[in-house]
Amino acid sequence: MTTVASLFIASESGGFIAPGPGSFELPPAFEIAGFGVTKSMLLLSLSAVLIIGATYVSSRKAAVVPGRLQFAGEYVYDFVRNGIARDSIGTRDFMKFVPYLFSLFLFVFVNNYYGVIPFLQFPSFSRISYVYGLAAVTWIVYNVAGISRHGVLGYLRRSTVPGGVKGPILALIIPLEFLSNIIVRPATLALRLFANLFAGHLLLILFSTGAAFLIFESDKIAYAPVGLLSFLLGILVSFLELLVMFLQAYVFTLLTAMYIGGALADEH
């Protein structure tokens, strides 16, 4: 639904069909043993190949004076290592989590930018099931880190009892903190990424299909300028999406690092 061919969408009566959640339900590209493999599955697999290939190529001939590929790889690594991991987790513990955070940032980044690449034109994380899976991995990582540092009971106490709070108010605070830090946190982490990618791509579909319909399918020539305006707005939204896609990869990785840092901290 988001390829170039899908720009011309009209009902049997010639009316425009507005895009919606159904636009993200892609049919299987092919089947293996009766199991449908969708475009989004292929894009996720492709991103893993691209990331592994890019990191290998940029590091296999490491030199004191880096070439352009090595410089680009080191720049991204340094950005995640020092700009995210060190600042959020602390100098004592951050290095052991850098590989995960680096991989996480690149994985979200690449899958987000599929949404503006011609012929691909589909951000993988506009499907919420994938985002929940990614958030679940983060949930496991920071909880395991906290339990490894403090033990099960110690971690639960630090996660649910704010420092300096005592008395009957704890009967209200503890359930709320447990719900917020243990249960709700991965859901909000996932929804933030999903909602931004879903809404942004929906806007791109709307402006693209609306422009195509008004210019080529509508029987009123007066609608053509409106269609052209819709097309220009779609271009502007595409540029805005370039920024949003980067920010969402950064925010997802940053929050993951902050959750890990909070789980390792001695005080809540």
C-alpha atoms as a PDB file:
ATOM      1  CA  MET A   1       0.000   0.000   0.000  1.00  0.00           C
ATOM      2  CA  THR A   2       2.921   2.389   0.392  1.00  0.00           C
ATOM      3  CA  THR A   3       4.744   1.752  -2.862  1.00  0.00           C
ATOM      4  CA  VAL A   4       4.597   4.013  -5.907  1.00  0.00           C
ATOM      5  CA  ALA A   5       1.812   1.893  -7.392  1.00  0.00           C
ATOM      6  CA  SER A   6      -0.381   2.598  -4.387  1.00  0.00           C
ATOM      7  CA  LEU A   7      -0.510   6.335  -5.071  1.00  0.00           C
ATOM      8  CA  PHE A   8      -3.604   5.846  -7.184  1.00  0.00           C
ATOM      9  CA  ILE A   9      -6.306   4.705  -4.786  1.00  0.00           C
ATOM     10  CA  ALA A  10      -9.939   5.026  -5.694  1.00  0.00           C
ATOM     11  CA  SER A  11     -13.096   3.117  -5.006  1.00  0.00           C
ATOM     12  CA  GLU A  12     -15.207   1.499  -7.669  1.00  0.00           C
ATOM     13  CA  SER A  13     -17.348   4.640  -7.779  1.00  0.00           C
ATOM     14  CA  GLY A  14     -14.318   6.832  -8.399  1.00  0.00           C
ATOM     15  CA  GLY A  15     -14.128   8.279  -4.896  1.00  0.00           C
ATOM     16  CA  PHE A  16     -11.020   8.724  -2.821  1.00  0.00           C
ATOM     17  CA  ILE A  17     -10.352   6.134  -0.114  1.00  0.00           C
ATOM     18  CA  ALA A  18      -8.540   7.752   2.793  1.00  0.00           C
ATOM     19  CA  PRO A  19      -5.607   5.763   4.187  1.00  0.00           C
ATOM     20  CA  GLY A  20      -5.905   4.286   7.648  1.00  0.00           C
ATOM     21  CA  PRO A  21      -4.612   1.418   9.788  1.00  0.00           C
ATOM     22  CA  GLY A  22      -5.461  -0.984   6.975  1.00  0.00           C
ATOM     23  CA  SER A  23      -2.765   0.664   4.862  1.00  0.00           C
ATOM     24  CA  PHE A  24      -0.192  -0.954   7.144  1.00  0.00           C
ATOM     25  CA  GLU A  25      -1.586  -4.477   6.720  1.00  0.00           C
ATOM     26  CA  LEU A  26       0.669  -5.632   3.912  1.00  0.00           C
ATOM     27  CA  PRO A  27      -0.067  -8.924   2.145  1.00  0.00           C
ATOM     28  CA  PRO A  28       2.600 -11.659   2.284  1.00  0.00           C
ATOM     29  CA  ALA A  29       5.366 -11.200  -0.269  1.00  0.00           C
ATOM     30  CA  PHE A  30       5.651 -14.986  -0.491  1.00  0.00           C
ATOM     31  CA  GLU A  31       4.987 -18.092   1.572  1.00  0.00           C
ATOM     32  CA  ILE A  32       7.284 -20.697   3.084  1.00  0.00           C
ATOM     33  CA  ALA A  33       5.598 -23.937   4.154  1.00  0.00           C
ATOM     34  CA  GLY A  34       2.283 -22.096   4.389  1.00  0.00           C
ATOM     35  CA  PHE A  35       3.744 -19.258   6.472  1.00  0.00           C
ATOM     36  CA  GLY A  36       3.390 -15.833   4.914  1.00  0.00           C
ATOM     37  CA  VAL A  37       6.528 -13.687   4.815  1.00  0.00           C
ATOM     38  CA  THR A  38       5.607 -10.012   4.716  1.00  0.00           C
ATOM     39  CA  LYS A  39       7.510  -6.992   3.465  1.00  0.00           C
ATOM     40  CA  SER A  40       8.138  -5.784   7.010  1.00  0.00           C
ATOM     41  CA  MET A  41       9.715  -9.150   7.941  1.00  0.00           C
ATOM     42  CA  LEU A  42      12.025  -8.882   4.961  1.00  0.00           C
ATOM     43  CA  LEU A  43      12.962  -5.317   5.894  1.00  0.00           C
ATOM     44  CA  LEU A  44      13.840  -6.356   9.449  1.00  0.00           C
ATOM     45  CA  SER A  45      16.067  -9.132   8.119  1.00  0.00           C
ATOM     46  CA  LEU A  46      17.616  -6.770   5.579  1.00  0.00           C
ATOM     47  CA  SER A  47      18.445  -4.260   8.313  1.00  0.00           C
ATOM     48  CA  ALA A  48      20.402  -6.904  10.229  1.00  0.00           C
ATOM     49  CA  VAL A  49      22.402  -7.745   7.098  1.00  0.00           C
ATOM     50  CA  LEU A  50      23.043  -4.057   6.363  1.00  0.00           C
ATOM     51  CA  ILE A  51      24.165  -3.259   9.901  1.00  0.00           C
ATOM     52  CA  ILE A  52      26.480  -6.261  10.178  1.00  0.00           C
ATOM     53  CA  GLY A  53      27.901  -5.542   6.738  1.00  0.00           C
ATOM     54  CA  ALA A  54      28.422  -1.834   7.412  1.00  0.00           C
ATOM     55  CA  THR A  55      30.105  -2.348  10.773  1.00  0.00           C
ATOM     56  CA  TYR A  56      32.357  -5.067   9.322  1.00  0.00           C
ATOM     57  CA  VAL A  57      33.404  -2.979   6.334  1.00  0.00           C
ATOM     58  CA  SER A  58      34.032   0.120   8.458  1.00  0.00           C
ATOM     59  CA  SER A  59      36.192  -1.747  10.980  1.00  0.00           C
ATOM     60  CA  ARG A  60      38.030  -4.469   9.045  1.00  0.00           C
ATOM     61  CA  LYS A  61      40.857  -2.153   7.966  1.00  0.00           C
ATOM     62  CA  ALA A  62      41.103  -0.013  11.078  1.00  0.00           C
ATOM     63  CA  ALA A  63      43.911   2.513  10.921  1.00  0.00           C
ATOM     64  CA  VAL A  64      45.308   5.284  13.089  1.00  0.00           C
ATOM     65  CA  VAL A  65      44.225   7.749  10.409  1.00  0.00           C
ATOM     66  CA  PRO A  66      40.722   6.534   9.569  1.00  0.00           C
ATOM     67  CA  GLY A  67      39.228   6.477   6.113  1.00  0.00           C
ATOM     68  CA  ARG A  68      35.741   7.788   5.457  1.00  0.00           C
ATOM     69  CA  LEU A  69      33.938   4.540   6.296  1.00  0.00           C
ATOM     70  CA  GLN A  70      35.964   3.987   9.446  1.00  0.00           C
ATOM     71  CA  PHE A  71      35.430   7.607  10.476  1.00  0.00           C
ATOM     72  CA  ALA A  72      31.656   7.292   9.990  1.00  0.00           C
ATOM     73  CA  GLY A  73      31.526   4.070  11.994  1.00  0.00           C
ATOM     74  CA  GLU A  74      33.649   5.485  14.793  1.00  0.00           C
ATOM     75  CA  TYR A  75      31.571   8.654  14.871  1.00  0.00           C
ATOM     76  CA  VAL A  76      28.326   6.724  15.390  1.00  0.00           C
ATOM     77  CA  TYR A  77      29.963   4.428  17.938  1.00  0.00           C
ATOM     78  CA  ASP A  78      31.397   7.389  19.842  1.00  0.00           C
ATOM     79  CA  PHE A  79      28.007   9.102  19.772  1.00  0.00           C
ATOM     80  CA  VAL A  80      26.319   6.096  21.393  1.00  0.00           C
ATOM     81  CA  ARG A  81      29.224   5.264  23.726  1.00  0.00           C
ATOM     82  CA  ASN A  82      29.870   8.718  25.153  1.00  0.00           C
ATOM     83  CA  GLY A  83      26.744  10.679  24.290  1.00  0.00           C
ATOM     84  CA  ILE A  84      24.243   8.085  25.463  1.00  0.00           C
ATOM     85  CA  ALA A  85      25.756   5.191  27.446  1.00  0.00           C
ATOM     86  CA  ARG A  86      28.360   7.007  29.535  1.00  0.00           C
ATOM     87  CA  ASP A  87      26.138   9.964  30.385  1.00  0.00           C
ATOM     88  CA  SER A  88      23.114   7.832  31.320  1.00  0.00           C
ATOM     89  CA  ILE A  89      24.660   4.773  32.987  1.00  0.00           C
ATOM     90  CA  GLY A  90      27.841   6.176  34.498  1.00  0.00           C
ATOM     91  CA  THR A  91      31.536   5.603  33.957  1.00  0.00           C
ATOM     92  CA  ARG A  92      31.706   2.512  36.184  1.00  0.00           C
ATOM     93  CA  ASP A  93      29.239   0.291  34.342  1.00  0.00           C
ATOM     94  CA  PHE A  94      28.507   1.747  30.931  1.00  0.00           C
ATOM     95  CA  MET A  95      30.986  -0.196  28.777  1.00  0.00           C
ATOM     96  CA  LYS A  96      29.325  -3.583  29.195  1.00  0.00           C
ATOM     97  CA  PHE A  97      26.085  -2.169  27.751  1.00  0.00           C
ATOM     98  CA  VAL A  98      27.592  -0.247  24.822  1.00  0.00           C
ATOM     99  CA  PRO A  99      27.343  -3.193  22.364  1.00  0.00           C
ATOM    100  CA  TYR A 100      23.625  -3.549  23.021  1.00  0.00           C
ATOM    101  CA  LEU A 101      22.945   0.185  22.871  1.00  0.00           C
ATOM    102  CA  PHE A 102      25.030   0.599  19.708  1.00  0.00           C
ATOM    103  CA  SER A 103      23.196  -2.262  17.996  1.00  0.00           C
ATOM    104  CA  LEU A 104      19.853  -0.971  19.239  1.00  0.00           C
ATOM    105  CA  PHE A 105      20.437   2.533  17.898  1.00  0.00           C
ATOM    106  CA  LEU A 106      21.504   1.290  14.468  1.00  0.00           C
ATOM    107  CA  PHE A 107      18.641  -1.206  14.272  1.00  0.00           C
ATOM    108  CA  VAL A 108      15.969   1.382  15.053  1.00  0.00           C
ATOM    109  CA  PHE A 109      17.680   3.997  12.876  1.00  0.00           C
ATOM    110  CA  VAL A 110      17.843   1.798   9.763  1.00  0.00           C
ATOM    111  CA  ASN A 111      14.307   0.453  10.126  1.00  0.00           C
ATOM    112  CA  ASN A 112      12.934   3.961  10.628  1.00  0.00           C
ATOM    113  CA  TYR A 113      14.579   5.321   7.497  1.00  0.00           C
ATOM    114  CA  TYR A 114      13.063   2.621   5.332  1.00  0.00           C
ATOM    115  CA  GLY A 115      10.007   4.880   5.374  1.00  0.00           C
ATOM    116  CA  VAL A 116      11.605   7.436   3.039  1.00  0.00           C
ATOM    117  CA  ILE A 117      13.627   5.127   0.787  1.00  0.00           C
ATOM    118  CA  PRO A 118      11.996   4.792  -2.663  1.00  0.00           C
ATOM    119  CA  PHE A 119      10.379   1.428  -3.396  1.00  0.00           C
ATOM    120  CA  LEU A 120      10.837   0.294   0.204  1.00  0.00           C
ATOM    121  CA  GLN A 121       8.773   3.118   1.724  1.00  0.00           C
ATOM    122  CA  PHE A 122       7.723   1.351   4.883  1.00  0.00           C
ATOM    123  CA  PRO A 123       9.116   2.009   8.389  1.00  0.00           C
ATOM    124  CA  SER A 124       9.238  -1.385  10.074  1.00  0.00           C
ATOM    125  CA  PHE A 125       8.350  -0.001  13.487  1.00  0.00           C
ATOM    126  CA  SER A 126       5.046   1.386  12.268  1.00  0.00           C
ATOM    127  CA  ARG A 127       3.914  -2.172  13.116  1.00  0.00           C
ATOM    128  CA  ILE A 128       3.509  -2.225  16.878  1.00  0.00           C
ATOM    129  CA  SER A 129       4.244  -5.934  17.324  1.00  0.00           C
ATOM    130  CA  TYR A 130       7.865  -5.356  16.314  1.00  0.00           C
ATOM    131  CA  VAL A 131       8.204  -2.415  18.684  1.00  0.00           C
ATOM    132  CA  TYR A 132       6.803  -4.431  21.589  1.00  0.00           C
ATOM    133  CA  GLY A 133       9.351  -7.135  20.842  1.00  0.00           C
ATOM    134  CA  LEU A 134      12.178  -4.609  20.920  1.00  0.00           C
ATOM    135  CA  ALA A 135      10.860  -3.021  24.120  1.00  0.00           C
ATOM    136  CA  ALA A 136      10.606  -6.483  25.699  1.00  0.00           C
ATOM    137  CA  VAL A 137      14.320  -7.072  25.047  1.00  0.00           C
ATOM    138  CA  THR A 138      15.120  -3.743  26.708  1.00  0.00           C
ATOM    139  CA  TRP A 139      12.853  -4.657  29.647  1.00  0.00           C
ATOM    140  CA  ILE A 140      14.755  -7.912  30.130  1.00  0.00           C
ATOM    141  CA  VAL A 141      18.140  -6.188  29.872  1.00  0.00           C
ATOM    142  CA  TYR A 142      17.555  -3.504  32.488  1.00  0.00           C
ATOM    143  CA  ASN A 143      15.714  -5.786  34.909  1.00  0.00           C
ATOM    144  CA  VAL A 144      18.421  -8.457  34.693  1.00  0.00           C
ATOM    145  CA  ALA A 145      21.045  -5.749  35.197  1.00  0.00           C
ATOM    146  CA  GLY A 146      19.267  -4.490  38.310  1.00  0.00           C
ATOM    147  CA  ILE A 147      18.721  -7.952  39.764  1.00  0.00           C
ATOM    148  CA  SER A 148      22.343  -8.913  39.099  1.00  0.00           C
ATOM    149  CA  ARG A 149      23.529  -5.830  40.970  1.00  0.00           C
ATOM    150  CA  HIS A 150      21.117  -5.752  43.902  1.00  0.00           C
ATOM    151  CA  GLY A 151      19.427  -9.165  44.058  1.00  0.00           C
ATOM    152  CA  VAL A 152      15.706  -9.700  43.494  1.00  0.00           C
ATOM    153  CA  LEU A 153      14.448  -8.202  46.751  1.00  0.00           C
ATOM    154  CA  GLY A 154      16.983  -5.393  46.755  1.00  0.00           C
ATOM    155  CA  TYR A 155      16.122  -4.453  43.179  1.00  0.00           C
ATOM    156  CA  LEU A 156      12.389  -4.485  43.872  1.00  0.00           C
ATOM    157  CA  ARG A 157      12.903  -2.311  46.940  1.00  0.00           C
ATOM    158  CA  ARG A 158      14.989   0.220  45.035  1.00  0.00           C
ATOM    159  CA  SER A 159      12.505   0.235  42.151  1.00  0.00           C
ATOM    160  CA  THR A 160       9.399   0.741  44.273  1.00  0.00           C
ATOM    161  CA  VAL A 161      10.440   2.647  47.411  1.00  0.00           C
ATOM    162  CA  PRO A 162      11.674   6.218  46.793  1.00  0.00           C
ATOM    163  CA  GLY A 163      14.503   7.306  49.051  1.00  0.00           C
ATOM    164  CA  GLY A 164      13.389   9.129  52.186  1.00  0.00           C
ATOM    165  CA  VAL A 165       9.728   8.103  51.933  1.00  0.00           C
ATOM    166  CA  LYS A 166       8.328   6.352  55.006  1.00  0.00           C
ATOM    167  CA  GLY A 167       5.066   5.675  56.756  1.00  0.00           C
ATOM    168  CA  PRO A 168       1.556   4.739  55.561  1.00  0.00           C
ATOM    169  CA  ILE A 169       2.009   6.602  52.285  1.00  0.00           C
ATOM    170  CA  LEU A 170       4.148   3.654  51.108  1.00  0.00           C
ATOM    171  CA  ALA A 171       0.960   1.589  50.789  1.00  0.00           C
ATOM    172  CA  LEU A 172       0.043   3.886  47.910  1.00  0.00           C
ATOM    173  CA  ILE A 173       3.512   4.640  46.559  1.00  0.00           C
ATOM    174  CA  ILE A 174       4.823   1.069  46.250  1.00  0.00           C
ATOM    175  CA  PRO A 175       2.047  -0.249  43.931  1.00  0.00           C
ATOM    176  CA  LEU A 176       2.259   2.890  41.775  1.00  0.00           C
ATOM    177  CA  GLU A 177       6.047   2.694  41.502  1.00  0.00           C
ATOM    178  CA  PHE A 178       5.899  -1.017  40.698  1.00  0.00           C
ATOM    179  CA  LEU A 179       3.294  -0.380  38.018  1.00  0.00           C
ATOM    180  CA  SER A 180       5.247   2.526  36.583  1.00  0.00           C
ATOM    181  CA  ASN A 181       8.777   1.102  36.650  1.00  0.00           C
ATOM    182  CA  ILE A 182       8.174  -2.603  36.066  1.00  0.00           C
ATOM    183  CA  ILE A 183       4.900  -2.974  34.172  1.00  0.00           C
ATOM    184  CA  VAL A 184       4.070   0.206  32.238  1.00  0.00           C
ATOM    185  CA  ARG A 185       7.571   1.370  31.289  1.00  0.00           C
ATOM    186  CA  PRO A 186       8.141  -1.030  28.348  1.00  0.00           C
ATOM    187  CA  ALA A 187       4.668  -0.251  26.988  1.00  0.00           C
ATOM    188  CA  THR A 188       5.260   3.502  27.003  1.00  0.00           C
ATOM    189  CA  LEU A 189       8.712   2.988  25.486  1.00  0.00           C
ATOM    190  CA  ALA A 190       7.159   1.006  22.640  1.00  0.00           C
ATOM    191  CA  LEU A 191       4.182   3.300  22.087  1.00  0.00           C
ATOM    192  CA  ARG A 192       6.378   6.390  21.768  1.00  0.00           C
ATOM    193  CA  LEU A 193       8.322   4.889  18.870  1.00  0.00           C
ATOM    194  CA  PHE A 194       5.320   3.236  17.232  1.00  0.00           C
ATOM    195  CA  ALA A 195       3.007   6.263  17.406  1.00  0.00           C
ATOM    196  CA  ASN A 196       5.539   8.614  15.831  1.00  0.00           C
ATOM    197  CA  LEU A 197       6.383   6.239  12.990  1.00  0.00           C
ATOM    198  CA  PHE A 198       2.755   5.292  12.395  1.00  0.00           C
ATOM    199  CA  ALA A 199       1.448   8.866  12.377  1.00  0.00           C
ATOM    200  CA  GLY A 200       4.275  10.183  10.229  1.00  0.00           C
ATOM    201  CA  HIS A 201       3.929   7.481   7.613  1.00  0.00           C
ATOM    202  CA  LEU A 202       0.158   7.851   7.600  1.00  0.00           C
ATOM    203  CA  LEU A 203       0.603  11.539   6.760  1.00  0.00           C
ATOM    204  CA  LEU A 204       2.942  10.659   3.906  1.00  0.00           C
ATOM    205  CA  ILE A 205       0.415   8.190   2.503  1.00  0.00           C
ATOM    206  CA  LEU A 206      -2.401  10.735   2.835  1.00  0.00           C
ATOM    207  CA  PHE A 207      -0.571  13.558   1.055  1.00  0.00           C
ATOM    208  CA  SER A 208       0.783  11.244  -1.655  1.00  0.00           C
ATOM    209  CA  THR A 209      -2.445   9.440  -2.484  1.00  0.00           C
ATOM    210  CA  GLY A 210      -4.484  12.620  -2.081  1.00  0.00           C
ATOM    211  CA  ALA A 211      -2.243  14.473  -4.523  1.00  0.00           C
ATOM    212  CA  ALA A 212      -2.344  11.626  -7.046  1.00  0.00           C
ATOM    213  CA  PHE A 213      -6.134  11.411  -6.847  1.00  0.00           C
ATOM    214  CA  LEU A 214      -6.745  15.165  -7.145  1.00  0.00           C
ATOM    215  CA  ILE A 215      -4.330  15.577 -10.055  1.00  0.00           C
ATOM    216  CA  PHE A 216      -4.935  12.423 -12.095  1.00  0.00           C
ATOM    217  CA  GLU A 217      -8.224  10.846 -11.006  1.00  0.00           C
ATOM    218  CA  SER A 218     -10.554  13.700 -10.142  1.00  0.00           C
ATOM    219  CA  ASP A 219     -12.907  14.844 -12.922  1.00  0.00           C
ATOM    220  CA  LYS A 220     -12.628  18.483 -11.782  1.00  0.00           C
ATOM    221  CA  ILE A 221      -9.584  20.269 -13.149  1.00  0.00           C
ATOM    222  CA  ALA A 222      -9.926  22.939 -10.457  1.00  0.00           C
ATOM    223  CA  TYR A 223      -8.769  20.356  -7.915  1.00  0.00           C
ATOM    224  CA  ALA A 224      -5.384  19.995  -9.608  1.00  0.00           C
ATOM    225  CA  PRO A 225      -3.761  22.982  -7.789  1.00  0.00           C
ATOM    226  CA  VAL A 226      -4.937  21.524  -4.482  1.00  0.00           C
ATOM    227  CA  GLY A 227      -3.397  18.234  -5.484  1.00  0.00           C
ATOM    228  CA  LEU A 228      -0.123  19.986  -6.284  1.00  0.00           C
ATOM    229  CA  LEU A 229      -0.222  21.652  -2.863  1.00  0.00           C
ATOM    230  CA  SER A 230      -0.809  18.264  -1.272  1.00  0.00           C
ATOM    231  CA  PHE A 231       2.193  16.885  -3.142  1.00  0.00           C
ATOM    232  CA  LEU A 232       4.407  19.755  -1.914  1.00  0.00           C
ATOM    233  CA  LEU A 233       3.183  19.261   1.640  1.00  0.00           C
ATOM    234  CA  GLY A 234       4.082  15.593   1.317  1.00  0.00           C
ATOM    235  CA  ILE A 235       7.645  16.598   0.404  1.00  0.00           C
ATOM    236  CA  LEU A 236       7.849  18.926   3.419  1.00  0.00           C
ATOM    237  CA  VAL A 237       6.531  16.190   5.703  1.00  0.00           C
ATOM    238  CA  SER A 238       9.163  13.847   4.282  1.00  0.00           C
ATOM    239  CA  PHE A 239      11.905  16.231   5.373  1.00  0.00           C
ATOM    240  CA  LEU A 240      10.303  16.520   8.791  1.00  0.00           C
ATOM    241  CA  GLU A 241      10.170  12.745   8.991  1.00  0.00           C
ATOM    242  CA  LEU A 242      13.920  12.572   8.382  1.00  0.00           C
ATOM    243  CA  LEU A 243      14.396  14.447  11.650  1.00  0.00           C
ATOM    244  CA  VAL A 244      11.710  12.496  13.516  1.00  0.00           C
ATOM    245  CA  MET A 245      13.172   9.149  12.451  1.00  0.00           C
ATOM    246  CA  PHE A 246      16.587  10.069  13.825  1.00  0.00           C
ATOM    247  CA  LEU A 247      15.133  11.506  17.034  1.00  0.00           C
ATOM    248  CA  GLN A 248      13.065   8.399  17.691  1.00  0.00           C
ATOM    249  CA  ALA A 249      16.110   6.150  17.303  1.00  0.00           C
ATOM    250  CA  TYR A 250      18.009   8.446  19.673  1.00  0.00           C
ATOM    251  CA  VAL A 251      15.193   8.702  22.229  1.00  0.00           C
ATOM    252  CA  PHE A 252      14.553   4.944  22.270  1.00  0.00           C
ATOM    253  CA  THR A 253      18.253   4.254  22.863  1.00  0.00           C
ATOM    254  CA  LEU A 254      18.598   7.073  25.390  1.00  0.00           C
ATOM    255  CA  LEU A 255      15.627   5.895  27.452  1.00  0.00           C
ATOM    256  CA  THR A 256      16.966   2.341  27.373  1.00  0.00           C
ATOM    257  CA  ALA A 257      20.289   3.608  28.749  1.00  0.00           C
ATOM    258  CA  MET A 258      18.490   5.657  31.409  1.00  0.00           C
ATOM    259  CA  TYR A 259      16.476   2.622  32.501  1.00  0.00           C
ATOM    260  CA  ILE A 260      19.670   0.572  32.775  1.00  0.00           C
ATOM    261  CA  GLY A 261      21.325   3.357  34.747  1.00  0.00           C
ATOM    262  CA  GLY A 262      18.323   3.576  37.063  1.00  0.00           C
ATOM    263  CA  ALA A 263      18.313  -0.191  37.614  1.00  0.00           C
ATOM    264  CA  LEU A 264      22.006  -0.134  38.581  1.00  0.00           C
ATOM    265  CA  ALA A 265      21.752   2.907  40.820  1.00  0.00           C
ATOM    266  CA  ASP A 266      22.015   2.419  44.574  1.00  0.00           C
ATOM    267  CA  GLU A 267      19.110   4.773  45.268  1.00  0.00           C
ATOM    268  CA  HIS A 268      15.741   5.117  43.589  1.00  0.00           C
END
